[in-house]
Amino acid sequence: MGIVSKIKSSSKLKQLTIRLITPARNPRPRWYIRLIVNPIVHKKGKGAKIRRRSRVDVFPWNRFEIGKLTTIEDFCTVNNGSGAVILGDRVRVGIGSVIIGPVTMGSGSGLGQHVFVAGFNHGYGDGSKNSSVQPLDIRPTVIEEEAHVGANSVVVAGITIGKRSQVGAGSVVTKDIPPYSVAVGNPAKVIKRFNQEKGLWEKV
């Protein structure tokens, strides 16, 4: 049995390991995890940039990968505590945006300023308990290649935004957006689709 399996199979070892990685009631990795462990465990592509004033709270137990020439701008927050965060090549995460995994962004995709994207919801099934102590409802979110989400938008858990789609600023995406679409509003609705035969965006 490997060391990871031993830790997972023992509640005491698991609790000790978590305490070594992150302080109690503070979902942020300790300084030595950020500076020593994470650079070894997580992949960062050539030319990728994480601006100094971003908060990248990533843990070694889930993947965090950023591709070539990808940029995470200032004042962003990225957290992989609940699931992997994978950003492809040439992805841009705009100033002040938040990504909480599990989230995957395909190559060439982007977020405008102050966009919120998450891959889970807090469970609230048991109405007799605070949702903070209930299991998370994890639903991976995917933003496909060359899709872009406008400033001040929200993408809720479990959503897929299709390839080369555009989401207008201030939208709240609660349902999947098909590839080659334009969606706007709260909740976001598709208003245009790209007709590849005609080479034109057509109103829906």
C-alpha atoms as a PDB file:
ATOM      1  CA  MET A   1       0.000   0.000   0.000  1.00  0.00           C
ATOM      2  CA  GLY A   2       1.459   3.391  -1.042  1.00  0.00           C
ATOM      3  CA  ILE A   3       1.818   6.358   1.293  1.00  0.00           C
ATOM      4  CA  VAL A   4      -1.120   8.216  -0.284  1.00  0.00           C
ATOM      5  CA  SER A   5      -3.385   5.172   0.153  1.00  0.00           C
ATOM      6  CA  LYS A   6      -2.293   4.826   3.773  1.00  0.00           C
ATOM      7  CA  ILE A   7      -3.117   8.461   4.477  1.00  0.00           C
ATOM      8  CA  LYS A   8      -6.528   8.173   2.820  1.00  0.00           C
ATOM      9  CA  SER A   9      -7.393   4.971   4.687  1.00  0.00           C
ATOM     10  CA  SER A  10      -6.581   6.403   8.131  1.00  0.00           C
ATOM     11  CA  SER A  11      -8.725   9.272   9.435  1.00  0.00           C
ATOM     12  CA  LYS A  12      -6.001  10.270  11.937  1.00  0.00           C
ATOM     13  CA  LEU A  13      -3.266  10.358   9.294  1.00  0.00           C
ATOM     14  CA  LYS A  14      -5.572  12.241   6.951  1.00  0.00           C
ATOM     15  CA  GLN A  15      -6.376  14.898   9.586  1.00  0.00           C
ATOM     16  CA  LEU A  16      -2.682  15.265  10.474  1.00  0.00           C
ATOM     17  CA  THR A  17      -1.714  15.670   6.821  1.00  0.00           C
ATOM     18  CA  ILE A  18      -4.390  18.305   6.255  1.00  0.00           C
ATOM     19  CA  ARG A  19      -3.202  20.230   9.347  1.00  0.00           C
ATOM     20  CA  LEU A  20       0.355  20.157   7.982  1.00  0.00           C
ATOM     21  CA  ILE A  21      -0.857  21.567   4.661  1.00  0.00           C
ATOM     22  CA  THR A  22      -3.404  24.163   5.808  1.00  0.00           C
ATOM     23  CA  PRO A  23      -4.303  25.859   9.119  1.00  0.00           C
ATOM     24  CA  ALA A  24      -7.598  24.949  10.768  1.00  0.00           C
ATOM     25  CA  ARG A  25     -10.577  26.934   9.411  1.00  0.00           C
ATOM     26  CA  ASN A  26      -8.361  28.766   6.920  1.00  0.00           C
ATOM     27  CA  PRO A  27      -8.665  27.365   3.377  1.00  0.00           C
ATOM     28  CA  ARG A  28      -5.223  28.526   2.324  1.00  0.00           C
ATOM     29  CA  PRO A  29      -2.075  26.399   2.038  1.00  0.00           C
ATOM     30  CA  ARG A  30       0.785  27.084   4.445  1.00  0.00           C
ATOM     31  CA  TRP A  31       3.720  29.126   3.150  1.00  0.00           C
ATOM     32  CA  TYR A  32       6.009  26.120   2.641  1.00  0.00           C
ATOM     33  CA  ILE A  33       3.342  24.382   0.554  1.00  0.00           C
ATOM     34  CA  ARG A  34       2.993  27.491  -1.640  1.00  0.00           C
ATOM     35  CA  LEU A  35       6.722  28.109  -2.046  1.00  0.00           C
ATOM     36  CA  ILE A  36       8.265  24.610  -2.011  1.00  0.00           C
ATOM     37  CA  VAL A  37       5.711  21.866  -2.693  1.00  0.00           C
ATOM     38  CA  ASN A  38       3.372  23.463  -5.244  1.00  0.00           C
ATOM     39  CA  PRO A  39       6.077  24.425  -7.781  1.00  0.00           C
ATOM     40  CA  ILE A  40       7.163  20.768  -7.834  1.00  0.00           C
ATOM     41  CA  VAL A  41       3.690  19.200  -7.949  1.00  0.00           C
ATOM     42  CA  HIS A  42       1.822  21.556 -10.297  1.00  0.00           C
ATOM     43  CA  LYS A  43       2.570  22.238 -13.963  1.00  0.00           C
ATOM     44  CA  LYS A  44       3.173  25.712 -15.357  1.00  0.00           C
ATOM     45  CA  GLY A  45       3.675  26.149 -19.095  1.00  0.00           C
ATOM     46  CA  LYS A  46       6.415  28.187 -20.716  1.00  0.00           C
ATOM     47  CA  GLY A  47       5.651  31.907 -20.703  1.00  0.00           C
ATOM     48  CA  ALA A  48       2.715  31.529 -18.293  1.00  0.00           C
ATOM     49  CA  LYS A  49       2.269  34.357 -15.771  1.00  0.00           C
ATOM     50  CA  ILE A  50       0.547  34.558 -12.408  1.00  0.00           C
ATOM     51  CA  ARG A  51       0.531  38.192 -11.335  1.00  0.00           C
ATOM     52  CA  ARG A  52       2.005  38.820  -7.894  1.00  0.00           C
ATOM     53  CA  ARG A  53      -1.173  40.287  -6.387  1.00  0.00           C
ATOM     54  CA  SER A  54      -3.303  37.238  -7.155  1.00  0.00           C
ATOM     55  CA  ARG A  55      -4.263  34.753  -4.460  1.00  0.00           C
ATOM     56  CA  VAL A  56      -3.572  31.244  -5.753  1.00  0.00           C
ATOM     57  CA  ASP A  57      -4.680  28.858  -3.022  1.00  0.00           C
ATOM     58  CA  VAL A  58      -3.798  25.508  -4.553  1.00  0.00           C
ATOM     59  CA  PHE A  59      -3.218  22.270  -2.709  1.00  0.00           C
ATOM     60  CA  PRO A  60      -1.126  19.240  -3.702  1.00  0.00           C
ATOM     61  CA  TRP A  61      -4.014  16.752  -3.555  1.00  0.00           C
ATOM     62  CA  ASN A  62      -5.759  18.146  -6.685  1.00  0.00           C
ATOM     63  CA  ARG A  63      -4.353  19.186 -10.047  1.00  0.00           C
ATOM     64  CA  PHE A  64      -3.517  22.777 -10.877  1.00  0.00           C
ATOM     65  CA  GLU A  65      -2.134  23.238 -14.370  1.00  0.00           C
ATOM     66  CA  ILE A  66      -1.681  26.315 -16.529  1.00  0.00           C
ATOM     67  CA  GLY A  67      -0.561  26.078 -20.126  1.00  0.00           C
ATOM     68  CA  LYS A  68       1.842  28.044 -22.262  1.00  0.00           C
ATOM     69  CA  LEU A  69       1.383  31.829 -22.397  1.00  0.00           C
ATOM     70  CA  THR A  70      -1.554  31.707 -19.983  1.00  0.00           C
ATOM     71  CA  THR A  71      -2.039  34.736 -17.706  1.00  0.00           C
ATOM     72  CA  ILE A  72      -3.787  35.071 -14.366  1.00  0.00           C
ATOM     73  CA  GLU A  73      -4.142  38.796 -13.783  1.00  0.00           C
ATOM     74  CA  ASP A  74      -3.886  40.786 -10.523  1.00  0.00           C
ATOM     75  CA  PHE A  75      -6.411  40.350  -7.701  1.00  0.00           C
ATOM     76  CA  CYS A  76      -7.669  36.981  -8.948  1.00  0.00           C
ATOM     77  CA  THR A  77      -8.418  34.062  -6.631  1.00  0.00           C
ATOM     78  CA  VAL A  78      -7.843  30.464  -7.716  1.00  0.00           C
ATOM     79  CA  ASN A  79      -8.628  27.508  -5.444  1.00  0.00           C
ATOM     80  CA  ASN A  80      -8.367  23.789  -6.237  1.00  0.00           C
ATOM     81  CA  GLY A  81      -9.324  22.515  -2.789  1.00  0.00           C
ATOM     82  CA  SER A  82     -12.526  20.889  -4.065  1.00  0.00           C
ATOM     83  CA  GLY A  83     -11.323  19.864  -7.514  1.00  0.00           C
ATOM     84  CA  ALA A  84      -8.763  20.372 -10.239  1.00  0.00           C
ATOM     85  CA  VAL A  85      -8.233  23.705 -11.960  1.00  0.00           C
ATOM     86  CA  ILE A  86      -6.842  23.189 -15.448  1.00  0.00           C
ATOM     87  CA  LEU A  87      -6.174  26.134 -17.755  1.00  0.00           C
ATOM     88  CA  GLY A  88      -5.016  25.418 -21.305  1.00  0.00           C
ATOM     89  CA  ASP A  89      -2.592  27.402 -23.463  1.00  0.00           C
ATOM     90  CA  ARG A  90      -3.120  31.152 -24.035  1.00  0.00           C
ATOM     91  CA  VAL A  91      -5.895  31.434 -21.457  1.00  0.00           C
ATOM     92  CA  ARG A  92      -6.473  34.842 -19.883  1.00  0.00           C
ATOM     93  CA  VAL A  93      -8.133  35.236 -16.483  1.00  0.00           C
ATOM     94  CA  GLY A  94      -9.159  38.884 -16.104  1.00  0.00           C
ATOM     95  CA  ILE A  95      -8.474  41.163 -13.144  1.00  0.00           C
ATOM     96  CA  GLY A  96     -10.383  40.240  -9.991  1.00  0.00           C
ATOM     97  CA  SER A  97     -11.860  36.992 -11.309  1.00  0.00           C
ATOM     98  CA  VAL A  98     -12.456  33.925  -9.123  1.00  0.00           C
ATOM     99  CA  ILE A  99     -12.024  30.289 -10.165  1.00  0.00           C
ATOM    100  CA  ILE A 100     -12.930  27.556  -7.673  1.00  0.00           C
ATOM    101  CA  GLY A 101     -12.428  24.021  -8.987  1.00  0.00           C
ATOM    102  CA  PRO A 102     -13.233  21.685 -10.457  1.00  0.00           C
ATOM    103  CA  VAL A 103     -12.956  23.982 -13.494  1.00  0.00           C
ATOM    104  CA  THR A 104     -11.358  23.387 -16.886  1.00  0.00           C
ATOM    105  CA  MET A 105     -10.710  26.157 -19.411  1.00  0.00           C
ATOM    106  CA  GLY A 106      -9.684  25.176 -22.929  1.00  0.00           C
ATOM    107  CA  SER A 107      -6.876  26.767 -24.886  1.00  0.00           C
ATOM    108  CA  GLY A 108      -7.544  30.287 -26.124  1.00  0.00           C
ATOM    109  CA  SER A 109     -10.465  30.843 -23.763  1.00  0.00           C
ATOM    110  CA  GLY A 110     -10.797  33.787 -21.410  1.00  0.00           C
ATOM    111  CA  LEU A 111     -12.581  35.512 -18.576  1.00  0.00           C
ATOM    112  CA  GLY A 112     -13.217  39.245 -18.425  1.00  0.00           C
ATOM    113  CA  GLN A 113     -12.847  41.260 -15.234  1.00  0.00           C
ATOM    114  CA  HIS A 114     -14.522  40.116 -11.996  1.00  0.00           C
ATOM    115  CA  VAL A 115     -15.956  36.867 -13.372  1.00  0.00           C
ATOM    116  CA  PHE A 116     -16.924  34.100 -10.918  1.00  0.00           C
ATOM    117  CA  VAL A 117     -16.628  30.459 -12.035  1.00  0.00           C
ATOM    118  CA  ALA A 118     -17.131  27.514  -9.679  1.00  0.00           C
ATOM    119  CA  GLY A 119     -17.373  23.740  -9.875  1.00  0.00           C
ATOM    120  CA  PHE A 120     -19.388  23.138  -6.717  1.00  0.00           C
ATOM    121  CA  ASN A 121     -22.264  24.327  -4.575  1.00  0.00           C
ATOM    122  CA  HIS A 122     -22.614  24.069  -0.818  1.00  0.00           C
ATOM    123  CA  GLY A 123     -24.909  21.187   0.055  1.00  0.00           C
ATOM    124  CA  TYR A 124     -28.099  22.144   1.881  1.00  0.00           C
ATOM    125  CA  GLY A 125     -30.154  18.954   1.677  1.00  0.00           C
ATOM    126  CA  ASP A 126     -30.425  18.627   5.454  1.00  0.00           C
ATOM    127  CA  GLY A 127     -32.385  21.689   6.532  1.00  0.00           C
ATOM    128  CA  SER A 128     -31.545  21.031  10.201  1.00  0.00           C
ATOM    129  CA  LYS A 129     -27.823  21.727   9.641  1.00  0.00           C
ATOM    130  CA  ASN A 130     -25.755  24.694   8.521  1.00  0.00           C
ATOM    131  CA  SER A 131     -24.793  24.235   4.856  1.00  0.00           C
ATOM    132  CA  SER A 132     -21.144  24.847   5.817  1.00  0.00           C
ATOM    133  CA  VAL A 133     -20.978  21.425   7.523  1.00  0.00           C
ATOM    134  CA  GLN A 134     -22.786  19.490   4.781  1.00  0.00           C
ATOM    135  CA  PRO A 135     -21.030  17.685   1.897  1.00  0.00           C
ATOM    136  CA  LEU A 136     -20.258  19.778  -1.158  1.00  0.00           C
ATOM    137  CA  ASP A 137     -22.297  19.247  -4.316  1.00  0.00           C
ATOM    138  CA  ILE A 138     -19.415  18.939  -6.780  1.00  0.00           C
ATOM    139  CA  ARG A 139     -20.226  19.475 -10.472  1.00  0.00           C
ATOM    140  CA  PRO A 140     -17.259  20.144 -12.794  1.00  0.00           C
ATOM    141  CA  THR A 141     -17.507  23.257 -14.956  1.00  0.00           C
ATOM    142  CA  VAL A 142     -15.977  23.425 -18.440  1.00  0.00           C
ATOM    143  CA  ILE A 143     -15.244  26.436 -20.634  1.00  0.00           C
ATOM    144  CA  GLU A 144     -14.211  25.032 -23.989  1.00  0.00           C
ATOM    145  CA  GLU A 145     -11.573  26.243 -26.440  1.00  0.00           C
ATOM    146  CA  GLU A 146     -11.714  29.904 -27.505  1.00  0.00           C
ATOM    147  CA  ALA A 147     -14.881  30.623 -25.513  1.00  0.00           C
ATOM    148  CA  HIS A 148     -15.018  33.939 -23.651  1.00  0.00           C
ATOM    149  CA  VAL A 149     -17.027  35.097 -20.665  1.00  0.00           C
ATOM    150  CA  GLY A 150     -17.668  38.841 -20.281  1.00  0.00           C
ATOM    151  CA  ALA A 151     -16.917  40.987 -17.242  1.00  0.00           C
ATOM    152  CA  ASN A 152     -18.965  40.641 -14.044  1.00  0.00           C
ATOM    153  CA  SER A 153     -20.530  37.338 -15.120  1.00  0.00           C
ATOM    154  CA  VAL A 154     -21.244  34.252 -13.012  1.00  0.00           C
ATOM    155  CA  VAL A 155     -20.911  30.671 -14.266  1.00  0.00           C
ATOM    156  CA  VAL A 156     -22.555  28.236 -11.857  1.00  0.00           C
ATOM    157  CA  ALA A 157     -21.406  24.686 -11.140  1.00  0.00           C
ATOM    158  CA  GLY A 158     -21.844  21.937 -13.705  1.00  0.00           C
ATOM    159  CA  ILE A 159     -22.041  24.187 -16.750  1.00  0.00           C
ATOM    160  CA  THR A 160     -20.319  23.649 -20.099  1.00  0.00           C
ATOM    161  CA  ILE A 161     -19.765  26.678 -22.326  1.00  0.00           C
ATOM    162  CA  GLY A 162     -19.117  25.414 -25.823  1.00  0.00           C
ATOM    163  CA  LYS A 163     -16.224  26.122 -28.142  1.00  0.00           C
ATOM    164  CA  ARG A 164     -15.848  29.721 -29.407  1.00  0.00           C
ATOM    165  CA  SER A 165     -19.009  30.865 -27.646  1.00  0.00           C
ATOM    166  CA  GLN A 166     -19.324  34.377 -26.242  1.00  0.00           C
ATOM    167  CA  VAL A 167     -21.080  35.212 -22.975  1.00  0.00           C
ATOM    168  CA  GLY A 168     -22.089  38.852 -22.603  1.00  0.00           C
ATOM    169  CA  ALA A 169     -20.988  41.004 -19.665  1.00  0.00           C
ATOM    170  CA  GLY A 170     -23.058  40.676 -16.502  1.00  0.00           C
ATOM    171  CA  SER A 171     -24.611  37.361 -17.481  1.00  0.00           C
ATOM    172  CA  VAL A 172     -25.497  34.525 -15.092  1.00  0.00           C
ATOM    173  CA  VAL A 173     -24.963  31.188 -16.831  1.00  0.00           C
ATOM    174  CA  THR A 174     -27.250  28.522 -15.358  1.00  0.00           C
ATOM    175  CA  LYS A 175     -27.531  26.185 -18.373  1.00  0.00           C
ATOM    176  CA  ASP A 176     -25.074  24.798 -20.907  1.00  0.00           C
ATOM    177  CA  ILE A 177     -24.203  27.081 -23.821  1.00  0.00           C
ATOM    178  CA  PRO A 178     -23.778  25.256 -27.156  1.00  0.00           C
ATOM    179  CA  PRO A 179     -20.613  25.782 -29.234  1.00  0.00           C
ATOM    180  CA  TYR A 180     -20.491  28.824 -31.544  1.00  0.00           C
ATOM    181  CA  SER A 181     -23.197  30.721 -29.660  1.00  0.00           C
ATOM    182  CA  VAL A 182     -23.713  34.163 -28.149  1.00  0.00           C
ATOM    183  CA  ALA A 183     -25.540  34.196 -24.804  1.00  0.00           C
ATOM    184  CA  VAL A 184     -26.560  37.141 -22.625  1.00  0.00           C
ATOM    185  CA  GLY A 185     -28.704  37.951 -19.601  1.00  0.00           C
ATOM    186  CA  ASN A 186     -29.786  36.582 -16.239  1.00  0.00           C
ATOM    187  CA  PRO A 187     -30.329  33.736 -16.706  1.00  0.00           C
ATOM    188  CA  ALA A 188     -28.200  33.692 -19.853  1.00  0.00           C
ATOM    189  CA  LYS A 189     -30.022  32.825 -23.062  1.00  0.00           C
ATOM    190  CA  VAL A 190     -28.625  32.123 -26.512  1.00  0.00           C
ATOM    191  CA  ILE A 191     -29.433  35.000 -28.887  1.00  0.00           C
ATOM    192  CA  LYS A 192     -27.154  34.122 -31.811  1.00  0.00           C
ATOM    193  CA  ARG A 193     -25.522  31.066 -33.360  1.00  0.00           C
ATOM    194  CA  PHE A 194     -22.753  30.946 -35.934  1.00  0.00           C
ATOM    195  CA  ASN A 195     -23.846  29.366 -39.238  1.00  0.00           C
ATOM    196  CA  GLN A 196     -20.645  27.748 -40.450  1.00  0.00           C
ATOM    197  CA  GLU A 197     -22.002  27.118 -43.942  1.00  0.00           C
ATOM    198  CA  LYS A 198     -22.862  30.802 -44.467  1.00  0.00           C
ATOM    199  CA  GLY A 199     -20.044  32.147 -42.279  1.00  0.00           C
ATOM    200  CA  LEU A 200     -22.520  34.399 -40.436  1.00  0.00           C
ATOM    201  CA  TRP A 201     -23.849  34.914 -36.918  1.00  0.00           C
ATOM    202  CA  GLU A 202     -27.623  34.452 -37.049  1.00  0.00           C
ATOM    203  CA  LYS A 203     -30.239  35.522 -34.501  1.00  0.00           C
ATOM    204  CA  VAL A 204     -32.025  32.701 -32.732  1.00  0.00           C
END
